[in-house]
Amino acid sequence: MSSGHAHPDANSFIIFARGEYLTGDPATPACPMTEHHNTLLINGKGQAKEGDGHDVFAAVSYELLESNPH
C-alpha cells in the first residue's frame, strides 16, 4: 500500500487573518522537504524519507502513523 501523495509536513500550520495568508506552504517544489513547510527540523533533519519523491511516509509502519496507537 501507499500513502499516496504525502509531504513531510506533519504538524505544520497555516495562519489566515483578515483575508490574507500570513503563513503557508510555498508552491509545491519538485521534491518536497520539511524545511519547505511551517514545521520543525530536529537537529537539522526533516521528516521520514524527505527528498525521495512525493510519498515520504511510504516506508513508515501503519502502527507508527496511527494518531492513537495501541
N, C-alpha and C. Protein backbone atom coordinates (compact mmCIF):
# COMPACT_ATOMS: atom_id res chain seq x y z
N MET A 1 0.83 -1.18 0.00
CA MET A 1 0.00 0.00 0.00
C MET A 1 0.87 1.24 0.00
N SER A 2 0.25 2.35 -0.31
CA SER A 2 0.96 3.62 -0.39
C SER A 2 0.14 4.69 0.30
N SER A 3 0.82 5.67 0.87
CA SER A 3 0.09 6.80 1.46
C SER A 3 -0.27 7.82 0.38
N GLY A 4 0.09 7.51 -0.86
CA GLY A 4 -0.25 8.39 -1.97
C GLY A 4 0.70 9.56 -2.06
N HIS A 5 0.15 10.74 -2.13
CA HIS A 5 0.94 11.96 -2.24
C HIS A 5 1.04 12.56 -0.84
N ALA A 6 2.18 12.40 -0.20
CA ALA A 6 2.33 12.86 1.18
C ALA A 6 3.61 13.67 1.34
N HIS A 7 3.46 14.92 1.75
CA HIS A 7 4.61 15.78 2.01
C HIS A 7 5.08 15.59 3.44
N PRO A 8 6.34 15.91 3.72
CA PRO A 8 6.87 15.81 5.07
C PRO A 8 6.49 17.04 5.89
N ASP A 9 5.18 17.18 6.18
CA ASP A 9 4.70 18.39 6.85
C ASP A 9 3.77 18.10 8.03
N ALA A 10 3.96 16.95 8.68
CA ALA A 10 3.13 16.64 9.85
C ALA A 10 3.29 17.74 10.89
N ASN A 11 2.18 18.16 11.45
CA ASN A 11 2.11 19.22 12.47
C ASN A 11 2.50 20.60 11.94
N SER A 12 2.42 20.79 10.64
CA SER A 12 2.66 22.14 10.10
C SER A 12 1.43 23.00 10.40
N PHE A 13 1.55 24.28 10.17
CA PHE A 13 0.44 25.18 10.45
C PHE A 13 0.34 26.25 9.37
N ILE A 14 -0.86 26.82 9.24
CA ILE A 14 -1.11 27.93 8.33
C ILE A 14 -1.91 28.95 9.12
N ILE A 15 -1.56 30.22 9.03
CA ILE A 15 -2.29 31.29 9.69
C ILE A 15 -2.93 32.16 8.63
N PHE A 16 -4.26 32.35 8.76
CA PHE A 16 -5.05 33.16 7.83
C PHE A 16 -5.80 34.19 8.65
N ALA A 17 -5.67 35.46 8.32
CA ALA A 17 -6.38 36.51 9.05
C ALA A 17 -6.72 37.67 8.13
N ARG A 18 -7.91 38.21 8.32
CA ARG A 18 -8.35 39.38 7.55
C ARG A 18 -8.19 39.20 6.05
N GLY A 19 -8.51 38.00 5.58
CA GLY A 19 -8.49 37.74 4.15
C GLY A 19 -7.12 37.46 3.55
N GLU A 20 -6.11 37.29 4.39
CA GLU A 20 -4.76 37.05 3.89
C GLU A 20 -4.10 35.88 4.60
N TYR A 21 -3.26 35.16 3.87
CA TYR A 21 -2.43 34.13 4.48
C TYR A 21 -1.20 34.82 5.06
N LEU A 22 -0.98 34.65 6.35
CA LEU A 22 0.20 35.21 6.99
C LEU A 22 1.35 34.21 6.98
N THR A 23 1.02 32.95 6.91
CA THR A 23 1.98 31.87 6.71
C THR A 23 1.33 30.89 5.77
N GLY A 24 2.10 30.00 5.23
CA GLY A 24 1.53 28.98 4.36
C GLY A 24 2.62 28.26 3.61
N ASP A 25 2.22 27.21 2.94
CA ASP A 25 3.16 26.44 2.16
C ASP A 25 3.50 27.17 0.87
N PRO A 26 4.73 27.04 0.41
CA PRO A 26 5.09 27.59 -0.89
C PRO A 26 4.50 26.72 -2.00
N ALA A 27 4.67 27.14 -3.22
CA ALA A 27 4.27 26.29 -4.34
C ALA A 27 4.98 24.95 -4.21
N THR A 28 4.32 23.89 -4.61
CA THR A 28 4.89 22.55 -4.45
C THR A 28 6.20 22.43 -5.22
N PRO A 29 7.29 22.19 -4.52
CA PRO A 29 8.58 22.01 -5.20
C PRO A 29 8.66 20.64 -5.86
N ALA A 30 9.64 20.46 -6.70
CA ALA A 30 9.80 19.17 -7.38
C ALA A 30 10.00 18.03 -6.39
N CYS A 31 10.67 18.30 -5.30
CA CYS A 31 10.92 17.29 -4.28
C CYS A 31 10.69 17.92 -2.91
N PRO A 32 9.52 17.69 -2.30
CA PRO A 32 9.18 18.38 -1.05
C PRO A 32 10.09 18.00 0.12
N MET A 33 10.44 19.00 0.90
CA MET A 33 11.28 18.84 2.07
C MET A 33 10.55 19.44 3.27
N THR A 34 10.86 18.97 4.47
CA THR A 34 10.25 19.51 5.68
C THR A 34 10.50 21.00 5.80
N GLU A 35 11.69 21.45 5.46
CA GLU A 35 12.03 22.87 5.58
C GLU A 35 11.20 23.77 4.67
N HIS A 36 10.47 23.20 3.70
CA HIS A 36 9.60 23.98 2.82
C HIS A 36 8.25 24.26 3.47
N HIS A 37 8.01 23.74 4.65
CA HIS A 37 6.72 23.86 5.33
C HIS A 37 6.91 24.54 6.69
N ASN A 38 5.82 24.97 7.28
CA ASN A 38 5.87 25.61 8.60
C ASN A 38 5.84 24.53 9.68
N THR A 39 6.95 23.87 9.84
CA THR A 39 7.10 22.83 10.85
C THR A 39 8.56 22.79 11.29
N LEU A 40 8.88 21.91 12.20
CA LEU A 40 10.21 21.91 12.81
C LEU A 40 11.18 20.92 12.18
N LEU A 41 12.44 21.30 12.18
CA LEU A 41 13.53 20.39 11.89
C LEU A 41 14.14 20.03 13.24
N ILE A 42 14.54 18.80 13.42
CA ILE A 42 15.20 18.37 14.65
C ILE A 42 16.65 18.03 14.31
N ASN A 43 17.58 18.76 14.92
CA ASN A 43 19.00 18.60 14.60
C ASN A 43 19.26 18.73 13.10
N GLY A 44 18.51 19.63 12.46
CA GLY A 44 18.69 19.87 11.03
C GLY A 44 18.06 18.84 10.12
N LYS A 45 17.34 17.87 10.69
CA LYS A 45 16.75 16.80 9.88
C LYS A 45 15.24 16.97 9.81
N GLY A 46 14.69 16.60 8.67
CA GLY A 46 13.25 16.67 8.46
C GLY A 46 12.57 15.35 8.75
N GLN A 47 11.39 15.19 8.19
CA GLN A 47 10.54 14.05 8.48
C GLN A 47 10.69 12.93 7.46
N ALA A 48 10.61 11.72 7.96
CA ALA A 48 10.54 10.49 7.16
C ALA A 48 11.60 10.44 6.06
N LYS A 49 11.17 10.08 4.85
CA LYS A 49 12.10 9.93 3.72
C LYS A 49 12.06 11.17 2.82
N GLU A 50 12.15 12.36 3.43
CA GLU A 50 12.10 13.56 2.62
C GLU A 50 13.23 13.56 1.60
N GLY A 51 12.98 14.22 0.49
CA GLY A 51 13.99 14.28 -0.57
C GLY A 51 13.97 13.10 -1.50
N ASP A 52 12.99 12.20 -1.30
CA ASP A 52 12.91 10.98 -2.11
C ASP A 52 11.54 10.86 -2.76
N GLY A 53 11.07 11.95 -3.36
CA GLY A 53 9.79 11.92 -4.06
C GLY A 53 8.63 12.46 -3.22
N HIS A 54 7.40 12.13 -3.66
CA HIS A 54 6.20 12.69 -3.06
C HIS A 54 5.45 11.71 -2.16
N ASP A 55 6.08 10.67 -1.70
CA ASP A 55 5.45 9.71 -0.79
C ASP A 55 6.40 9.43 0.36
N VAL A 56 6.64 10.47 1.18
CA VAL A 56 7.70 10.42 2.19
C VAL A 56 7.44 9.44 3.33
N PHE A 57 6.19 9.01 3.51
CA PHE A 57 5.88 8.09 4.60
C PHE A 57 5.68 6.65 4.11
N ALA A 58 6.10 6.34 2.89
CA ALA A 58 5.87 5.02 2.30
C ALA A 58 6.48 3.89 3.11
N ALA A 59 7.63 4.08 3.70
CA ALA A 59 8.31 3.00 4.42
C ALA A 59 8.01 3.00 5.92
N VAL A 60 7.15 3.92 6.37
CA VAL A 60 6.82 4.00 7.80
C VAL A 60 5.66 3.05 8.09
N SER A 61 5.76 2.30 9.18
CA SER A 61 4.71 1.32 9.51
C SER A 61 3.40 2.02 9.84
N TYR A 62 2.29 1.34 9.56
CA TYR A 62 0.97 1.89 9.87
C TYR A 62 0.81 2.11 11.37
N GLU A 63 1.39 1.24 12.18
CA GLU A 63 1.28 1.41 13.64
C GLU A 63 1.92 2.72 14.08
N LEU A 64 3.03 3.08 13.48
CA LEU A 64 3.70 4.32 13.84
C LEU A 64 2.92 5.55 13.33
N LEU A 65 2.22 5.39 12.22
CA LEU A 65 1.46 6.50 11.64
C LEU A 65 0.11 6.74 12.31
N GLU A 66 -0.41 5.77 13.05
CA GLU A 66 -1.71 5.93 13.69
C GLU A 66 -1.69 7.11 14.64
N SER A 67 -2.78 7.87 14.65
CA SER A 67 -2.85 9.01 15.56
C SER A 67 -3.11 8.57 17.00
N ASN A 68 -3.64 7.37 17.18
CA ASN A 68 -3.91 6.85 18.53
C ASN A 68 -3.43 5.42 18.58
N PRO A 69 -2.10 5.20 18.62
CA PRO A 69 -1.57 3.83 18.58
C PRO A 69 -2.00 3.00 19.79
N HIS A 70 -2.03 1.70 19.60
CA HIS A 70 -2.47 0.77 20.64
C HIS A 70 -1.36 0.52 21.63
